[in-house]
Amino acid sequence: NLKIKQDLFGGLDKLAPAHTIFASN
């Protein structure tokens, strides 16, 4: 579900360190 994935990553983006890589399966 696109909206659920966007909300998840949008929230985590503010908390994860600068070096952290995000990936979707």
PDB file of all heavy atoms in Angstrom:
ATOM      1  N   ASN A   1       0.862  -1.178   0.000  1.00  0.00           N
ATOM      2  CA  ASN A   1       0.000   0.000   0.000  1.00  0.00           C
ATOM      3  C   ASN A   1       0.899   1.228   0.000  1.00  0.00           C
ATOM      4  O   ASN A   1       1.674   1.439   0.946  1.00  0.00           O
ATOM      5  CB  ASN A   1      -0.921  -0.012   1.232  1.00  0.00           C
ATOM      6  CG  ASN A   1      -1.864   1.171   1.274  1.00  0.00           C
ATOM      7  OD1 ASN A   1      -1.452   2.322   1.402  1.00  0.00           O
ATOM      8  ND2 ASN A   1      -3.159   0.881   1.184  1.00  0.00           N
ATOM      9  N   LEU A   2       0.810   2.025  -1.058  1.00  0.00           N
ATOM     10  CA  LEU A   2       1.730   3.143  -1.234  1.00  0.00           C
ATOM     11  C   LEU A   2       1.665   4.133  -0.079  1.00  0.00           C
ATOM     12  O   LEU A   2       2.703   4.553   0.457  1.00  0.00           O
ATOM     13  CB  LEU A   2       1.430   3.865  -2.561  1.00  0.00           C
ATOM     14  CG  LEU A   2       2.298   5.081  -2.878  1.00  0.00           C
ATOM     15  CD1 LEU A   2       3.769   4.701  -2.971  1.00  0.00           C
ATOM     16  CD2 LEU A   2       1.824   5.746  -4.174  1.00  0.00           C
ATOM     17  N   LYS A   3       0.458   4.513   0.332  1.00  0.00           N
ATOM     18  CA  LYS A   3       0.316   5.511   1.392  1.00  0.00           C
ATOM     19  C   LYS A   3       0.918   5.013   2.707  1.00  0.00           C
ATOM     20  O   LYS A   3       1.607   5.775   3.413  1.00  0.00           O
ATOM     21  CB  LYS A   3      -1.176   5.820   1.587  1.00  0.00           C
ATOM     22  CG  LYS A   3      -1.480   6.828   2.688  1.00  0.00           C
ATOM     23  CD  LYS A   3      -0.946   8.219   2.317  1.00  0.00           C
ATOM     24  CE  LYS A   3      -1.560   9.317   3.189  1.00  0.00           C
ATOM     25  NZ  LYS A   3      -1.404   9.101   4.636  1.00  0.00           N
ATOM     26  N   ILE A   4       0.694   3.746   3.037  1.00  0.00           N
ATOM     27  CA  ILE A   4       1.237   3.192   4.285  1.00  0.00           C
ATOM     28  C   ILE A   4       2.761   3.174   4.241  1.00  0.00           C
ATOM     29  O   ILE A   4       3.435   3.518   5.222  1.00  0.00           O
ATOM     30  CB  ILE A   4       0.680   1.780   4.528  1.00  0.00           C
ATOM     31  CG1 ILE A   4      -0.823   1.850   4.807  1.00  0.00           C
ATOM     32  CG2 ILE A   4       1.403   1.103   5.694  1.00  0.00           C
ATOM     33  CD1 ILE A   4      -1.487   0.506   4.930  1.00  0.00           C
ATOM     34  N   LYS A   5       3.326   2.811   3.105  1.00  0.00           N
ATOM     35  CA  LYS A   5       4.787   2.795   2.976  1.00  0.00           C
ATOM     36  C   LYS A   5       5.350   4.210   3.067  1.00  0.00           C
ATOM     37  O   LYS A   5       6.382   4.445   3.715  1.00  0.00           O
ATOM     38  CB  LYS A   5       5.183   2.140   1.650  1.00  0.00           C
ATOM     39  CG  LYS A   5       4.916   0.638   1.579  1.00  0.00           C
ATOM     40  CD  LYS A   5       5.328   0.079   0.219  1.00  0.00           C
ATOM     41  CE  LYS A   5       4.900  -1.353   0.012  1.00  0.00           C
ATOM     42  NZ  LYS A   5       5.654  -2.311   0.820  1.00  0.00           N
ATOM     43  N   GLN A   6       4.690   5.161   2.406  1.00  0.00           N
ATOM     44  CA  GLN A   6       5.160   6.549   2.453  1.00  0.00           C
ATOM     45  C   GLN A   6       5.122   7.091   3.884  1.00  0.00           C
ATOM     46  O   GLN A   6       6.067   7.758   4.326  1.00  0.00           O
ATOM     47  CB  GLN A   6       4.297   7.417   1.540  1.00  0.00           C
ATOM     48  CG  GLN A   6       4.544   7.200   0.062  1.00  0.00           C
ATOM     49  CD  GLN A   6       3.608   8.022  -0.806  1.00  0.00           C
ATOM     50  OE1 GLN A   6       2.457   8.275  -0.435  1.00  0.00           O
ATOM     51  NE2 GLN A   6       4.081   8.429  -1.972  1.00  0.00           N
ATOM     52  N   ASP A   7       4.035   6.809   4.588  1.00  0.00           N
ATOM     53  CA  ASP A   7       3.924   7.284   5.974  1.00  0.00           C
ATOM     54  C   ASP A   7       5.012   6.671   6.853  1.00  0.00           C
ATOM     55  O   ASP A   7       5.591   7.349   7.712  1.00  0.00           O
ATOM     56  CB  ASP A   7       2.549   6.938   6.534  1.00  0.00           C
ATOM     57  CG  ASP A   7       1.432   7.777   5.924  1.00  0.00           C
ATOM     58  OD1 ASP A   7       1.745   8.783   5.263  1.00  0.00           O
ATOM     59  OD2 ASP A   7       0.251   7.415   6.095  1.00  0.00           O
ATOM     60  N   LEU A   8       5.281   5.389   6.631  1.00  0.00           N
ATOM     61  CA  LEU A   8       6.315   4.708   7.415  1.00  0.00           C
ATOM     62  C   LEU A   8       7.675   5.359   7.196  1.00  0.00           C
ATOM     63  O   LEU A   8       8.349   5.773   8.162  1.00  0.00           O
ATOM     64  CB  LEU A   8       6.384   3.234   7.032  1.00  0.00           C
ATOM     65  CG  LEU A   8       7.549   2.444   7.627  1.00  0.00           C
ATOM     66  CD1 LEU A   8       7.367   2.265   9.128  1.00  0.00           C
ATOM     67  CD2 LEU A   8       7.695   1.093   6.937  1.00  0.00           C
ATOM     68  N   PHE A   9       8.085   5.464   5.957  1.00  0.00           N
ATOM     69  CA  PHE A   9       9.409   6.008   5.654  1.00  0.00           C
ATOM     70  C   PHE A   9       9.503   7.495   5.983  1.00  0.00           C
ATOM     71  O   PHE A   9      10.556   7.974   6.415  1.00  0.00           O
ATOM     72  CB  PHE A   9       9.763   5.773   4.186  1.00  0.00           C
ATOM     73  CG  PHE A   9      10.276   4.390   3.897  1.00  0.00           C
ATOM     74  CD1 PHE A   9       9.606   3.560   3.009  1.00  0.00           C
ATOM     75  CD2 PHE A   9      11.424   3.922   4.504  1.00  0.00           C
ATOM     76  CE1 PHE A   9      10.083   2.290   2.738  1.00  0.00           C
ATOM     77  CE2 PHE A   9      11.908   2.643   4.237  1.00  0.00           C
ATOM     78  CZ  PHE A   9      11.230   1.827   3.349  1.00  0.00           C
ATOM     79  N   GLY A  10       8.396   8.216   5.780  1.00  0.00           N
ATOM     80  CA  GLY A  10       8.406   9.645   6.104  1.00  0.00           C
ATOM     81  C   GLY A  10       8.673   9.887   7.574  1.00  0.00           C
ATOM     82  O   GLY A  10       9.430  10.800   7.944  1.00  0.00           O
ATOM     83  N   GLY A  11       8.078   9.048   8.442  1.00  0.00           N
ATOM     84  CA  GLY A  11       8.311   9.180   9.872  1.00  0.00           C
ATOM     85  C   GLY A  11       9.701   8.752  10.275  1.00  0.00           C
ATOM     86  O   GLY A  11      10.364   9.421  11.083  1.00  0.00           O
ATOM     87  N   LEU A  12      10.172   7.644   9.708  1.00  0.00           N
ATOM     88  CA  LEU A  12      11.499   7.129  10.069  1.00  0.00           C
ATOM     89  C   LEU A  12      12.619   8.030   9.567  1.00  0.00           C
ATOM     90  O   LEU A  12      13.703   8.079  10.167  1.00  0.00           O
ATOM     91  CB  LEU A  12      11.682   5.717   9.511  1.00  0.00           C
ATOM     92  CG  LEU A  12      10.726   4.654  10.046  1.00  0.00           C
ATOM     93  CD1 LEU A  12      11.039   3.300   9.422  1.00  0.00           C
ATOM     94  CD2 LEU A  12      10.785   4.572  11.562  1.00  0.00           C
ATOM     95  N   ASP A  13      12.369   8.745   8.478  1.00  0.00           N
ATOM     96  CA  ASP A  13      13.397   9.608   7.893  1.00  0.00           C
ATOM     97  C   ASP A  13      13.860  10.677   8.877  1.00  0.00           C
ATOM     98  O   ASP A  13      15.025  11.080   8.873  1.00  0.00           O
ATOM     99  CB  ASP A  13      12.837  10.256   6.624  1.00  0.00           C
ATOM    100  CG  ASP A  13      13.881  11.072   5.874  1.00  0.00           C
ATOM    101  OD1 ASP A  13      15.014  10.577   5.699  1.00  0.00           O
ATOM    102  OD2 ASP A  13      13.565  12.207   5.476  1.00  0.00           O
ATOM    103  N   LYS A  14      12.964  11.109   9.723  1.00  0.00           N
ATOM    104  CA  LYS A  14      13.287  12.159  10.694  1.00  0.00           C
ATOM    105  C   LYS A  14      14.116  11.620  11.866  1.00  0.00           C
ATOM    106  O   LYS A  14      14.714  12.388  12.614  1.00  0.00           O
ATOM    107  CB  LYS A  14      11.997  12.789  11.228  1.00  0.00           C
ATOM    108  CG  LYS A  14      11.113  13.425  10.158  1.00  0.00           C
ATOM    109  CD  LYS A  14       9.837  13.973  10.771  1.00  0.00           C
ATOM    110  CE  LYS A  14       8.946  14.635   9.739  1.00  0.00           C
ATOM    111  NZ  LYS A  14       8.421  13.680   8.740  1.00  0.00           N
ATOM    112  N   LEU A  15      14.140  10.299  12.026  1.00  0.00           N
ATOM    113  CA  LEU A  15      14.777   9.693  13.198  1.00  0.00           C
ATOM    114  C   LEU A  15      16.065   8.939  12.895  1.00  0.00           C
ATOM    115  O   LEU A  15      16.929   8.819  13.748  1.00  0.00           O
ATOM    116  CB  LEU A  15      13.783   8.720  13.864  1.00  0.00           C
ATOM    117  CG  LEU A  15      12.454   9.335  14.306  1.00  0.00           C
ATOM    118  CD1 LEU A  15      11.474   8.242  14.697  1.00  0.00           C
ATOM    119  CD2 LEU A  15      12.665  10.301  15.466  1.00  0.00           C
ATOM    120  N   ALA A  16      16.180   8.417  11.676  1.00  0.00           N
ATOM    121  CA  ALA A  16      17.339   7.600  11.321  1.00  0.00           C
ATOM    122  C   ALA A  16      18.578   8.470  11.123  1.00  0.00           C
ATOM    123  O   ALA A  16      18.481   9.625  10.697  1.00  0.00           O
ATOM    124  CB  ALA A  16      17.051   6.808  10.053  1.00  0.00           C
ATOM    125  N   PRO A  17      19.766   7.936  11.420  1.00  0.00           N
ATOM    126  CA  PRO A  17      21.007   8.678  11.177  1.00  0.00           C
ATOM    127  C   PRO A  17      21.167   9.039   9.704  1.00  0.00           C
ATOM    128  O   PRO A  17      20.553   8.418   8.824  1.00  0.00           O
ATOM    129  CB  PRO A  17      22.088   7.687  11.624  1.00  0.00           C
ATOM    130  CG  PRO A  17      21.411   6.745  12.548  1.00  0.00           C
ATOM    131  CD  PRO A  17      20.004   6.616  12.040  1.00  0.00           C
ATOM    132  N   ALA A  18      22.022  10.001   9.443  1.00  0.00           N
ATOM    133  CA  ALA A  18      22.205  10.479   8.069  1.00  0.00           C
ATOM    134  C   ALA A  18      22.723   9.391   7.143  1.00  0.00           C
ATOM    135  O   ALA A  18      22.402   9.366   5.957  1.00  0.00           O
ATOM    136  CB  ALA A  18      23.161  11.669   8.068  1.00  0.00           C
ATOM    137  N   HIS A  19      23.509   8.458   7.688  1.00  0.00           N
ATOM    138  CA  HIS A  19      24.123   7.450   6.823  1.00  0.00           C
ATOM    139  C   HIS A  19      23.184   6.297   6.478  1.00  0.00           C
ATOM    140  O   HIS A  19      23.471   5.502   5.571  1.00  0.00           O
ATOM    141  CB  HIS A  19      25.385   6.874   7.484  1.00  0.00           C
ATOM    142  CG  HIS A  19      25.090   5.912   8.588  1.00  0.00           C
ATOM    143  ND1 HIS A  19      24.871   6.313   9.892  1.00  0.00           N
ATOM    144  CD2 HIS A  19      24.963   4.557   8.596  1.00  0.00           C
ATOM    145  CE1 HIS A  19      24.644   5.251  10.647  1.00  0.00           C
ATOM    146  NE2 HIS A  19      24.691   4.169   9.883  1.00  0.00           N
ATOM    147  N   THR A  20      22.066   6.167   7.200  1.00  0.00           N
ATOM    148  CA  THR A  20      21.198   5.002   7.057  1.00  0.00           C
ATOM    149  C   THR A  20      20.571   4.926   5.670  1.00  0.00           C
ATOM    150  O   THR A  20      20.012   5.907   5.174  1.00  0.00           O
ATOM    151  CB  THR A  20      20.080   5.014   8.118  1.00  0.00           C
ATOM    152  OG1 THR A  20      20.669   5.112   9.409  1.00  0.00           O
ATOM    153  CG2 THR A  20      19.228   3.755   8.022  1.00  0.00           C
ATOM    154  N   ILE A  21      20.652   3.757   5.078  1.00  0.00           N
ATOM    155  CA  ILE A  21      20.044   3.502   3.772  1.00  0.00           C
ATOM    156  C   ILE A  21      18.649   2.945   3.981  1.00  0.00           C
ATOM    157  O   ILE A  21      18.436   2.061   4.819  1.00  0.00           O
ATOM    158  CB  ILE A  21      20.893   2.508   2.953  1.00  0.00           C
ATOM    159  CG1 ILE A  21      22.267   3.116   2.637  1.00  0.00           C
ATOM    160  CG2 ILE A  21      20.182   2.104   1.661  1.00  0.00           C
ATOM    161  CD1 ILE A  21      23.241   2.135   1.996  1.00  0.00           C
ATOM    162  N   PHE A  22      17.687   3.447   3.220  1.00  0.00           N
ATOM    163  CA  PHE A  22      16.328   2.944   3.236  1.00  0.00           C
ATOM    164  C   PHE A  22      16.094   2.105   1.981  1.00  0.00           C
ATOM    165  O   PHE A  22      16.506   2.498   0.885  1.00  0.00           O
ATOM    166  CB  PHE A  22      15.310   4.091   3.246  1.00  0.00           C
ATOM    167  CG  PHE A  22      15.132   4.767   4.580  1.00  0.00           C
ATOM    168  CD1 PHE A  22      15.853   4.371   5.699  1.00  0.00           C
ATOM    169  CD2 PHE A  22      14.230   5.812   4.716  1.00  0.00           C
ATOM    170  CE1 PHE A  22      15.684   4.998   6.929  1.00  0.00           C
ATOM    171  CE2 PHE A  22      14.049   6.451   5.929  1.00  0.00           C
ATOM    172  CZ  PHE A  22      14.774   6.044   7.037  1.00  0.00           C
ATOM    173  N   ALA A  23      15.420   0.971   2.145  1.00  0.00           N
ATOM    174  CA  ALA A  23      15.124   0.116   0.989  1.00  0.00           C
ATOM    175  C   ALA A  23      13.737  -0.498   1.150  1.00  0.00           C
ATOM    176  O   ALA A  23      13.340  -0.885   2.249  1.00  0.00           O
ATOM    177  CB  ALA A  23      16.171  -0.996   0.854  1.00  0.00           C
ATOM    178  N   SER A  24      13.018  -0.588   0.050  1.00  0.00           N
ATOM    179  CA  SER A  24      11.705  -1.226   0.052  1.00  0.00           C
ATOM    180  C   SER A  24      11.780  -2.551  -0.692  1.00  0.00           C
ATOM    181  O   SER A  24      12.425  -2.654  -1.735  1.00  0.00           O
ATOM    182  CB  SER A  24      10.657  -0.328  -0.615  1.00  0.00           C
ATOM    183  OG  SER A  24       9.417  -1.010  -0.728  1.00  0.00           O
ATOM    184  N   ASN A  25      11.102  -3.551  -0.143  1.00  0.00           N
ATOM    185  CA  ASN A  25      11.030  -4.865  -0.773  1.00  0.00           C
ATOM    186  C   ASN A  25       9.808  -4.984  -1.690  1.00  0.00           C
ATOM    187  O   ASN A  25       9.454  -6.074  -2.118  1.00  0.00           O
ATOM    188  CB  ASN A  25      10.977  -5.958   0.305  1.00  0.00           C
ATOM    189  CG  ASN A  25      10.959  -7.361  -0.280  1.00  0.00           C
ATOM    190  OD1 ASN A  25      11.854  -7.756  -1.013  1.00  0.00           O
ATOM    191  ND2 ASN A  25       9.899  -8.115   0.002  1.00  0.00           N
TER     192      ASN A  25
END
